């Protein structure tokens, strides 16, 4: 994860907020917007690629596949694709987004714990790599491979090394009871996995994903080490190189406490090279599936302060950014705290003494708060509150509480003396679209002939 220094990113962000106000992207009629730093995203992609190139034997095939769930926006996927990053998808919708962005099948990986037969069939027909999550899914693959031999899809099994969890339980994928993959330490499971490969020469990949927010780097590296050891065992017992590619997942944590980047991709790659040196000696191809770490630092939600009030002696800034764009922060603030930056009505960083205040969203429940008791320059009516580090899992994941509209999203580049240029990523949702999604075309379906036709009340 990179994107220049924290100071450079902050300067670009400040320029973009000011330009968004000056250019009319933010204002009384457009009180919320998502901003993406295109320069920062490109730099993060370059940092990821160079970090692994530095520790990997020349000529080793490496695919960095972006976890589409972190930002399901087609222009973002296209930007990453052009920066040399593929796509890791976990649903038909995500696959459709990747294809719309032009990501080729050979740079796409399908991971999901609940793939339907149709999803498996489509992946095999397209030549998309996929990892079976469990024995029942592998049985489905057995039948599909027999009925449609010759697929170019690289196939593997996802395993859970069960090395433990981190500080956020809901995101820990390598616990003893995680729903993902084959639990390696369960009785008989490791031998089952080995036999599954020995019986199926077409299984050539092995996948595990230990990382996520709240997971320390040594634990991530231990999960990779366990997966590598299993691949070595399979190949030894097969008497040949059957497993030729290891998919080590992603999940590099993000520092939400400052503009600094910590940890970096380079730090993680070096740790892996020390913990699992054989991983990089050229005998195995590599796949990674990073998501949040590529984008989080390069996104900002900016919302106008509609009202400034006081409750219990504490100032409260009521903004247009709340649970609809920052769902995790609102419902789990201890695990997902966000920094808030204050800007004045012209989009300039606000100055003044720090004042302890709350920053609230527009939803009609008391807990819709972006920040509680936060010290910053006092936010007043017409100012702007910016939720920082929200480029992944925030404004691209709309939560339709109170039928609040999805905000527009813009990418930006430039700044300083050259000025800031914006490009639309997603337009704001219209009220008519909200009505349509809420079944507007079926307004009479429950009050028309449904009950009368069945002898019910009229």
Protein backbone atom coordinates (compact mmCIF):
# COMPACT_ATOMS: atom_id res chain seq x y z
CA UNK A 1 0.00 0.00 0.00
CA UNK A 2 1.43 3.35 -0.97
CA UNK A 3 0.12 6.24 -3.02
CA UNK A 4 2.86 8.71 -2.14
CA UNK A 5 3.50 10.03 1.32
CA UNK A 6 0.67 10.79 3.70
CA UNK A 7 1.39 14.48 3.34
CA UNK A 8 1.12 14.29 -0.46
CA UNK A 9 -2.18 12.43 -0.25
CA UNK A 10 -3.57 14.94 2.24
CA UNK A 11 -2.57 17.84 -0.03
CA UNK A 12 -4.29 16.23 -3.02
CA UNK A 13 -7.39 15.61 -0.91
CA UNK A 14 -7.53 19.23 0.27
CA UNK A 15 -7.20 20.46 -3.31
CA UNK A 16 -9.96 18.10 -4.43
CA UNK A 17 -12.44 19.16 -1.73
CA UNK A 18 -11.91 22.82 -2.52
CA UNK A 19 -12.23 22.17 -6.26
CA UNK A 20 -15.39 20.09 -5.75
CA UNK A 21 -17.04 23.07 -4.05
CA UNK A 22 -15.74 25.55 -6.63
CA UNK A 23 -16.90 23.38 -9.53
CA UNK A 24 -20.35 22.76 -8.07
CA UNK A 25 -19.96 19.07 -7.26
CA UNK A 26 -20.65 19.96 -3.63
CA UNK A 27 -23.12 22.53 -2.39
CA UNK A 28 -26.60 23.06 -0.94
CA UNK A 29 -28.22 21.02 -3.73
CA UNK A 30 -25.54 18.30 -3.78
CA UNK A 31 -24.67 17.88 -0.11
CA UNK A 32 -22.66 14.64 -0.29
CA UNK A 33 -20.12 13.16 -2.66
CA UNK A 34 -17.49 10.42 -2.76
CA UNK A 35 -14.02 11.35 -4.06
CA UNK A 36 -11.35 8.95 -5.32
CA UNK A 37 -7.69 9.90 -5.75
CA UNK A 38 -6.70 8.34 -9.09
CA UNK A 39 -3.03 9.15 -8.63
CA UNK A 40 -2.99 7.45 -5.25
CA UNK A 41 -4.74 4.34 -6.57
CA UNK A 42 -2.22 3.99 -9.39
CA UNK A 43 0.66 4.40 -6.96
CA UNK A 44 -0.78 1.74 -4.64
CA UNK A 45 -1.08 -0.72 -7.53
CA UNK A 46 2.54 -0.02 -8.53
CA UNK A 47 3.69 -0.45 -4.92
CA UNK A 48 1.97 -3.84 -4.68
CA UNK A 49 3.52 -5.12 -7.87
CA UNK A 50 7.02 -3.88 -7.05
CA UNK A 51 6.91 -5.26 -3.50
CA UNK A 52 6.39 -8.81 -4.72
CA UNK A 53 8.71 -8.43 -7.71
CA UNK A 54 11.48 -7.55 -5.26
CA UNK A 55 11.28 -10.93 -3.49
CA UNK A 56 10.12 -13.24 -6.31
CA UNK A 57 12.37 -15.20 -8.66
CA UNK A 58 12.43 -13.70 -12.17
CA UNK A 59 9.89 -15.25 -14.51
CA UNK A 60 7.53 -16.37 -11.75
CA UNK A 61 3.89 -15.93 -12.83
CA UNK A 62 2.19 -13.57 -10.37
CA UNK A 63 -1.42 -12.40 -10.52
CA UNK A 64 -2.55 -9.64 -8.19
CA UNK A 65 -6.36 -9.91 -8.24
CA UNK A 66 -8.28 -7.03 -6.66
CA UNK A 67 -11.04 -8.15 -4.28
CA UNK A 68 -14.01 -6.61 -6.11
CA UNK A 69 -16.10 -6.57 -2.94
CA UNK A 70 -13.89 -3.75 -1.66
CA UNK A 71 -15.10 -1.39 -4.39
CA UNK A 72 -17.69 -2.76 -6.85
CA UNK A 73 -17.39 0.15 -9.27
CA UNK A 74 -16.68 -0.58 -12.93
CA UNK A 75 -14.44 2.45 -13.59
CA UNK A 76 -12.32 1.55 -10.55
CA UNK A 77 -11.91 -2.01 -11.80
CA UNK A 78 -10.93 -0.69 -15.24
CA UNK A 79 -8.36 1.65 -13.65
CA UNK A 80 -6.85 -1.22 -11.68
CA UNK A 81 -6.89 -3.50 -14.72
CA UNK A 82 -4.90 -0.95 -16.69
CA UNK A 83 -2.51 -0.74 -13.71
CA UNK A 84 -1.83 -4.47 -13.99
CA UNK A 85 -4.31 -5.73 -11.37
CA UNK A 86 -6.85 -8.48 -12.08
CA UNK A 87 -10.10 -9.27 -10.25
CA UNK A 88 -11.17 -11.64 -7.48
CA UNK A 89 -14.95 -12.06 -7.57
CA UNK A 90 -17.38 -13.72 -5.19
CA UNK A 91 -20.77 -13.52 -6.92
CA UNK A 92 -22.37 -13.36 -10.35
CA UNK A 93 -22.74 -9.62 -9.87
CA UNK A 94 -19.06 -9.10 -9.14
CA UNK A 95 -18.10 -11.27 -12.11
CA UNK A 96 -20.36 -9.17 -14.34
CA UNK A 97 -18.70 -6.00 -13.05
CA UNK A 98 -15.22 -7.36 -13.74
CA UNK A 99 -16.21 -8.38 -17.26
CA UNK A 100 -17.80 -4.96 -17.87
CA UNK A 101 -14.50 -3.40 -16.81
CA UNK A 102 -12.65 -5.49 -19.39
CA UNK A 103 -10.81 -7.76 -16.98
CA UNK A 104 -9.97 -10.91 -19.00
CA UNK A 105 -10.96 -14.37 -17.77
CA UNK A 106 -7.35 -15.42 -17.29
CA UNK A 107 -6.89 -12.58 -14.79
CA UNK A 108 -10.06 -13.38 -12.84
CA UNK A 109 -10.48 -15.65 -9.81
CA UNK A 110 -13.85 -16.85 -8.46
CA UNK A 111 -14.05 -17.37 -4.69
CA UNK A 112 -17.30 -17.86 -2.84
CA UNK A 113 -18.54 -20.27 -0.15
CA UNK A 114 -21.90 -20.69 -1.90
CA UNK A 115 -21.33 -21.13 -5.64
CA UNK A 116 -24.32 -22.51 -7.51
CA UNK A 117 -23.99 -25.10 -10.30
CA UNK A 118 -24.69 -22.36 -12.84
CA UNK A 119 -21.90 -20.18 -11.42
CA UNK A 120 -19.45 -23.07 -11.58
CA UNK A 121 -20.53 -23.92 -15.12
CA UNK A 122 -20.10 -20.33 -16.27
CA UNK A 123 -16.64 -20.04 -14.72
CA UNK A 124 -15.52 -23.25 -16.41
CA UNK A 125 -16.89 -22.13 -19.75
CA UNK A 126 -15.06 -18.82 -19.53
CA UNK A 127 -11.77 -20.25 -18.28
CA UNK A 128 -11.92 -18.40 -14.95
CA UNK A 129 -9.86 -19.76 -12.07
CA UNK A 130 -11.89 -21.02 -9.14
CA UNK A 131 -11.27 -22.55 -5.75
CA UNK A 132 -13.67 -25.16 -4.37
CA UNK A 133 -14.70 -24.24 -0.85
CA UNK A 134 -15.78 -27.65 0.45
CA UNK A 135 -16.19 -31.36 -0.42
CA UNK A 136 -19.72 -30.92 -1.77
CA UNK A 137 -18.58 -28.23 -4.16
CA UNK A 138 -15.72 -30.45 -5.27
CA UNK A 139 -18.25 -33.18 -6.08
CA UNK A 140 -20.07 -30.70 -8.31
CA UNK A 141 -16.81 -29.89 -10.04
CA UNK A 142 -16.15 -33.60 -10.56
CA UNK A 143 -19.37 -33.91 -12.53
CA UNK A 144 -18.86 -30.69 -14.48
CA UNK A 145 -15.28 -31.50 -15.42
CA UNK A 146 -16.36 -34.92 -16.67
CA UNK A 147 -19.26 -33.51 -18.68
CA UNK A 148 -17.21 -30.64 -20.14
CA UNK A 149 -13.58 -31.75 -20.35
CA UNK A 150 -10.93 -29.44 -21.65
CA UNK A 151 -11.74 -26.33 -19.59
CA UNK A 152 -8.87 -23.88 -19.30
CA UNK A 153 -9.91 -22.88 -15.78
CA UNK A 154 -7.18 -23.36 -13.17
CA UNK A 155 -8.87 -25.26 -10.32
CA UNK A 156 -8.01 -25.60 -6.67
CA UNK A 157 -9.33 -26.04 -3.15
CA UNK A 158 -9.62 -23.40 -0.46
CA UNK A 159 -8.33 -24.49 2.94
CA UNK A 160 -8.58 -22.90 6.35
CA UNK A 161 -5.25 -23.22 8.19
CA UNK A 162 -7.05 -22.45 11.49
CA UNK A 163 -4.18 -20.34 12.79
CA UNK A 164 -6.46 -17.99 14.75
CA UNK A 165 -8.30 -14.70 14.57
CA UNK A 166 -7.56 -11.03 15.03
CA UNK A 167 -9.14 -8.10 16.83
CA UNK A 168 -12.30 -8.04 14.64
CA UNK A 169 -14.05 -11.37 15.06
CA UNK A 170 -16.48 -10.91 12.17
CA UNK A 171 -13.59 -10.56 9.70
CA UNK A 172 -11.35 -13.35 10.98
CA UNK A 173 -11.35 -16.07 8.31
CA UNK A 174 -8.82 -18.53 9.79
CA UNK A 175 -10.42 -19.33 13.14
CA UNK A 176 -11.26 -22.86 14.23
CA UNK A 177 -14.90 -22.46 13.18
CA UNK A 178 -14.62 -20.14 10.16
CA UNK A 179 -17.19 -20.81 7.44
CA UNK A 180 -14.55 -20.62 4.71
CA UNK A 181 -12.65 -23.52 3.18
CA UNK A 182 -11.72 -26.98 4.45
CA UNK A 183 -10.67 -26.77 8.09
CA UNK A 184 -7.22 -28.37 8.00
CA UNK A 185 -6.91 -29.21 11.70
CA UNK A 186 -10.25 -30.99 11.93
CA UNK A 187 -9.91 -34.74 12.27
CA UNK A 188 -9.14 -36.37 8.92
CA UNK A 189 -9.39 -33.10 6.97
CA UNK A 190 -5.75 -32.76 5.95
CA UNK A 191 -5.60 -36.29 4.62
CA UNK A 192 -8.88 -35.72 2.76
CA UNK A 193 -7.39 -32.68 1.02
CA UNK A 194 -4.24 -34.57 0.04
CA UNK A 195 -6.27 -37.47 -1.34
CA UNK A 196 -8.54 -35.06 -3.23
CA UNK A 197 -5.51 -33.80 -5.13
CA UNK A 198 -3.97 -37.20 -5.70
CA UNK A 199 -7.27 -38.42 -7.17
CA UNK A 200 -7.70 -35.37 -9.41
CA UNK A 201 -4.69 -34.38 -11.51
CA UNK A 202 -6.65 -31.34 -12.71
CA UNK A 203 -6.44 -29.72 -9.25
CA UNK A 204 -3.37 -27.52 -9.57
CA UNK A 205 -3.96 -24.63 -7.18
CA UNK A 206 -4.19 -24.30 -3.41
CA UNK A 207 -5.84 -21.32 -1.74
CA UNK A 208 -6.02 -19.88 1.77
CA UNK A 209 -6.94 -16.44 3.04
CA UNK A 210 -5.90 -15.47 6.56
CA UNK A 211 -5.53 -11.71 6.36
CA UNK A 212 -8.07 -8.99 7.08
CA UNK A 213 -8.42 -5.82 9.09
CA UNK A 214 -7.33 -6.52 12.67
CA UNK A 215 -5.06 -9.45 11.73
CA UNK A 216 -1.37 -8.98 12.64
CA UNK A 217 1.16 -9.58 9.86
CA UNK A 218 2.89 -12.52 11.60
CA UNK A 219 -0.45 -14.35 11.78
CA UNK A 220 -1.05 -13.69 8.08
CA UNK A 221 2.39 -15.06 7.28
CA UNK A 222 1.75 -18.14 9.43
CA UNK A 223 -1.39 -18.89 7.43
CA UNK A 224 0.64 -18.71 4.21
CA UNK A 225 3.35 -20.92 5.72
CA UNK A 226 0.80 -23.59 6.62
CA UNK A 227 -0.63 -23.49 3.08
CA UNK A 228 2.82 -23.76 1.53
CA UNK A 229 3.63 -26.76 3.73
CA UNK A 230 0.47 -28.48 2.54
CA UNK A 231 1.36 -27.84 -1.10
CA UNK A 232 4.79 -29.33 -0.52
CA UNK A 233 3.19 -32.42 1.06
CA UNK A 234 0.78 -32.87 -1.85
CA UNK A 235 3.55 -32.59 -4.41
CA UNK A 236 5.82 -34.95 -2.52
CA UNK A 237 3.14 -37.60 -2.27
CA UNK A 238 2.16 -37.10 -5.90
CA UNK A 239 5.78 -37.54 -6.93
CA UNK A 240 5.51 -34.50 -9.20
CA UNK A 241 4.59 -30.81 -9.19
CA UNK A 242 0.83 -31.09 -9.12
CA UNK A 243 0.15 -27.91 -7.15
CA UNK A 244 1.85 -25.27 -9.25
CA UNK A 245 0.18 -22.10 -7.94
CA UNK A 246 -0.54 -20.81 -4.44
CA UNK A 247 -3.31 -18.26 -3.92
CA UNK A 248 -2.34 -16.56 -0.65
CA UNK A 249 -5.35 -14.23 -0.44
CA UNK A 250 -5.03 -10.65 0.70
CA UNK A 251 -6.29 -8.73 3.70
CA UNK A 252 -3.38 -6.39 4.43
CA UNK A 253 -4.62 -4.18 7.31
CA UNK A 254 -5.02 -0.44 6.83
CA UNK A 255 -3.95 2.30 9.23
CA UNK A 256 -7.06 4.39 9.87
CA UNK A 257 -5.41 6.50 12.58
CA UNK A 258 -3.37 8.86 10.38
CA UNK A 259 -2.46 9.67 6.79
CA UNK A 260 0.55 7.38 7.07
CA UNK A 261 0.76 4.01 5.31
CA UNK A 262 1.35 1.16 7.72
CA UNK A 263 1.94 -1.65 7.09
CA UNK A 264 3.22 -1.51 3.52
CA UNK A 265 3.17 -4.16 0.83
CA UNK A 266 6.97 -4.16 0.92
CA UNK A 267 6.97 -4.97 4.64
CA UNK A 268 4.54 -7.83 4.14
CA UNK A 269 6.42 -9.25 1.14
CA UNK A 270 9.70 -9.17 3.08
CA UNK A 271 8.07 -10.93 6.04
CA UNK A 272 6.70 -13.62 3.75
CA UNK A 273 10.10 -14.11 2.12
CA UNK A 274 11.63 -14.64 5.58
CA UNK A 275 8.82 -16.87 6.88
CA UNK A 276 8.22 -18.92 3.71
CA UNK A 277 11.33 -18.53 1.51
CA UNK A 278 10.33 -21.42 -0.76
CA UNK A 279 7.24 -19.51 -1.80
CA UNK A 280 9.32 -17.17 -3.93
CA UNK A 281 11.96 -19.45 -5.46
CA UNK A 282 10.08 -19.83 -8.74
CA UNK A 283 8.58 -23.28 -8.17
CA UNK A 284 5.11 -21.84 -7.53
CA UNK A 285 3.07 -19.24 -9.33
CA UNK A 286 1.43 -16.74 -6.98
CA UNK A 287 -2.00 -15.14 -6.71
CA UNK A 288 -2.89 -12.39 -4.24
CA UNK A 289 -6.33 -10.93 -3.47
CA UNK A 290 -5.82 -7.54 -1.85
CA UNK A 291 -8.76 -5.14 -1.66
CA UNK A 292 -9.05 -2.60 1.14
CA UNK A 293 -5.34 -1.80 1.18
CA UNK A 294 -5.35 -0.76 -2.47
CA UNK A 295 -8.12 1.82 -2.11
CA UNK A 296 -8.93 2.83 1.47
CA UNK A 297 -6.44 5.68 1.73
CA UNK A 298 -7.52 7.13 -1.59
CA UNK A 299 -11.20 7.76 -0.94
CA UNK A 300 -13.06 10.48 0.96
CA UNK A 301 -16.73 11.04 1.70
CA UNK A 302 -17.47 14.76 1.91
CA UNK A 303 -20.79 15.94 3.34
CA UNK A 304 -22.28 19.37 3.93
CA UNK A 305 -23.23 20.35 7.46
CA UNK A 306 -26.96 21.00 7.13
CA UNK A 307 -27.44 22.10 10.73
CA UNK A 308 -25.23 22.80 13.71
CA UNK A 309 -26.90 22.37 17.08
CA UNK A 310 -26.15 21.49 20.68
CA UNK A 311 -27.35 18.68 22.93
CA UNK A 312 -26.35 18.26 26.53
CA UNK A 313 -23.87 21.06 26.13
CA UNK A 314 -22.03 19.33 23.29
CA UNK A 315 -22.07 20.63 19.71
CA UNK A 316 -23.57 18.33 17.09
CA UNK A 317 -22.97 18.75 13.37
CA UNK A 318 -25.81 17.16 11.40
CA UNK A 319 -24.43 16.12 8.01
CA UNK A 320 -25.55 14.12 4.99
CA UNK A 321 -23.06 11.27 5.58
CA UNK A 322 -24.08 8.55 7.97
CA UNK A 323 -25.11 4.94 8.01
CA UNK A 324 -25.93 4.89 4.30
CA UNK A 325 -22.25 5.37 3.36
CA UNK A 326 -20.42 4.36 6.55
CA UNK A 327 -22.44 1.39 7.76
CA UNK A 328 -19.60 -0.40 9.55
CA UNK A 329 -18.53 2.71 11.41
CA UNK A 330 -22.04 3.54 12.57
CA UNK A 331 -22.90 0.03 13.77
CA UNK A 332 -19.43 -0.95 15.04
CA UNK A 333 -17.61 2.30 15.86
CA UNK A 334 -15.10 0.60 18.13
CA UNK A 335 -13.83 -1.61 15.32
CA UNK A 336 -14.19 0.93 12.50
CA UNK A 337 -13.44 4.47 13.75
CA UNK A 338 -12.94 7.08 11.05
CA UNK A 339 -10.97 10.29 11.07
CA UNK A 340 -13.05 13.36 10.27
CA UNK A 341 -11.57 16.45 8.64
CA UNK A 342 -13.29 19.84 8.87
CA UNK A 343 -13.59 22.13 5.85
CA UNK A 344 -15.22 25.54 5.62
CA UNK A 345 -18.01 26.52 3.25
CA UNK A 346 -15.51 27.14 0.44
CA UNK A 347 -13.93 23.71 0.83
CA UNK A 348 -10.80 24.94 2.59
CA UNK A 349 -9.36 23.15 5.65
CA UNK A 350 -11.00 24.80 8.62
CA UNK A 351 -8.87 26.51 11.19
CA UNK A 352 -9.57 27.35 14.80
CA UNK A 353 -9.32 25.79 18.24
CA UNK A 354 -10.37 22.18 18.69
CA UNK A 355 -13.87 21.75 20.06
CA UNK A 356 -15.23 18.41 21.30
CA UNK A 357 -18.27 17.63 19.17
CA UNK A 358 -20.32 14.90 17.53
CA UNK A 359 -20.66 14.41 13.78
CA UNK A 360 -24.06 12.93 12.92
CA UNK A 361 -25.63 11.53 9.81
CA UNK A 362 -29.11 12.07 8.34
CA UNK A 363 -30.75 8.76 9.24
CA UNK A 364 -33.61 8.64 11.71
CA UNK A 365 -32.03 6.75 14.57
CA UNK A 366 -29.92 8.02 17.45
CA UNK A 367 -26.85 5.95 16.66
CA UNK A 368 -26.31 7.39 13.19
CA UNK A 369 -23.01 9.02 14.15
CA UNK A 370 -19.74 9.24 12.22
CA UNK A 371 -17.86 10.44 15.28
CA UNK A 372 -18.65 10.97 18.96
CA UNK A 373 -16.83 13.42 21.22
CA UNK A 374 -14.26 14.24 18.55
CA UNK A 375 -11.97 17.25 18.98
CA UNK A 376 -11.63 19.35 15.82
CA UNK A 377 -12.35 22.89 14.63
CA UNK A 378 -16.01 23.60 15.23
CA UNK A 379 -18.23 22.52 12.35
CA UNK A 380 -20.87 25.13 11.55
CA UNK A 381 -23.83 25.28 9.21
CA UNK A 382 -22.61 25.28 5.59
CA UNK A 383 -19.24 23.73 6.43
CA UNK A 384 -18.16 20.30 5.20
CA UNK A 385 -17.21 17.18 7.16
CA UNK A 386 -14.96 14.70 5.37
CA UNK A 387 -14.77 11.06 6.42
CA UNK A 388 -11.24 9.98 5.52
CA UNK A 389 -9.82 6.63 4.36
CA UNK A 390 -13.18 5.60 2.92
CA UNK A 391 -12.08 4.44 -0.53
CA UNK A 392 -12.95 0.80 0.23
CA UNK A 393 -16.13 -0.64 1.77
CA UNK A 394 -17.75 2.76 2.29
CA UNK A 395 -19.49 4.93 -0.31
CA UNK A 396 -19.47 2.12 -2.88
CA UNK A 397 -21.54 -0.08 -0.52
CA UNK A 398 -24.76 1.83 -0.13
CA UNK A 399 -27.14 0.96 2.70
CA UNK A 400 -30.62 2.21 1.85
CA UNK A 401 -31.77 3.18 5.35
CA UNK A 402 -34.57 5.80 5.11
CA UNK A 403 -34.39 5.36 1.33
CA UNK A 404 -31.43 7.73 1.28
CA UNK A 405 -29.99 8.13 -2.20
CA UNK A 406 -26.65 6.76 -3.29
CA UNK A 407 -24.21 9.66 -3.62
CA UNK A 408 -22.29 10.53 -6.75
CA UNK A 409 -18.68 9.35 -6.90
CA UNK A 410 -15.93 11.18 -8.77
CA UNK A 411 -12.34 10.34 -9.46
CA UNK A 412 -9.91 13.22 -9.42
CA UNK A 413 -6.41 13.98 -10.60
CA UNK A 414 -4.14 16.98 -10.53
CA UNK A 415 -4.00 19.68 -7.91
CA UNK A 416 -1.80 22.55 -6.90
CA UNK A 417 -1.03 25.00 -9.69
CA UNK A 418 -2.39 22.67 -12.38
CA UNK A 419 -5.89 22.51 -10.91
CA UNK A 420 -8.06 19.49 -10.23
CA UNK A 421 -9.89 17.55 -12.91
CA UNK A 422 -12.85 15.30 -12.05
CA UNK A 423 -14.31 12.30 -13.87
CA UNK A 424 -17.66 10.71 -13.04
CA UNK A 425 -17.45 7.20 -11.57
CA UNK A 426 -21.12 6.88 -10.58
CA UNK A 427 -23.88 9.49 -10.77
CA UNK A 428 -26.07 10.25 -7.80
CA UNK A 429 -29.17 8.10 -7.49
CA UNK A 430 -32.40 9.82 -8.53
CA UNK A 431 -35.56 9.67 -6.45
CA UNK A 432 -37.30 7.97 -9.37
CA UNK A 433 -34.76 5.15 -9.17
CA UNK A 434 -35.45 4.70 -5.48
CA UNK A 435 -39.16 4.33 -6.25
CA UNK A 436 -38.44 1.83 -9.02
CA UNK A 437 -36.21 -0.28 -6.76
CA UNK A 438 -38.95 -0.24 -4.14
CA UNK A 439 -41.43 -1.91 -6.50
CA UNK A 440 -43.05 1.22 -7.87
CA UNK A 441 -44.24 -0.58 -11.00
CA UNK A 442 -46.10 -3.08 -8.80
CA UNK A 443 -47.90 -0.51 -6.64
CA UNK A 444 -51.28 -2.21 -7.08
CA UNK A 445 -50.09 -5.82 -6.91
CA UNK A 446 -51.15 -6.45 -3.30
CA UNK A 447 -54.39 -4.50 -3.37
CA UNK A 448 -55.67 -5.54 -6.78
CA UNK A 449 -57.02 -8.94 -7.77
CA UNK A 450 -54.56 -11.10 -5.78
CA UNK A 451 -56.78 -11.70 -2.76
CA UNK A 452 -60.08 -11.50 -4.62
CA UNK A 453 -58.93 -14.12 -7.06
CA UNK A 454 -58.36 -16.51 -4.17
CA UNK A 455 -61.60 -15.85 -2.38
CA UNK A 456 -60.07 -13.47 0.13
CA UNK A 457 -61.28 -10.14 1.36
CA UNK A 458 -61.90 -7.44 -1.22
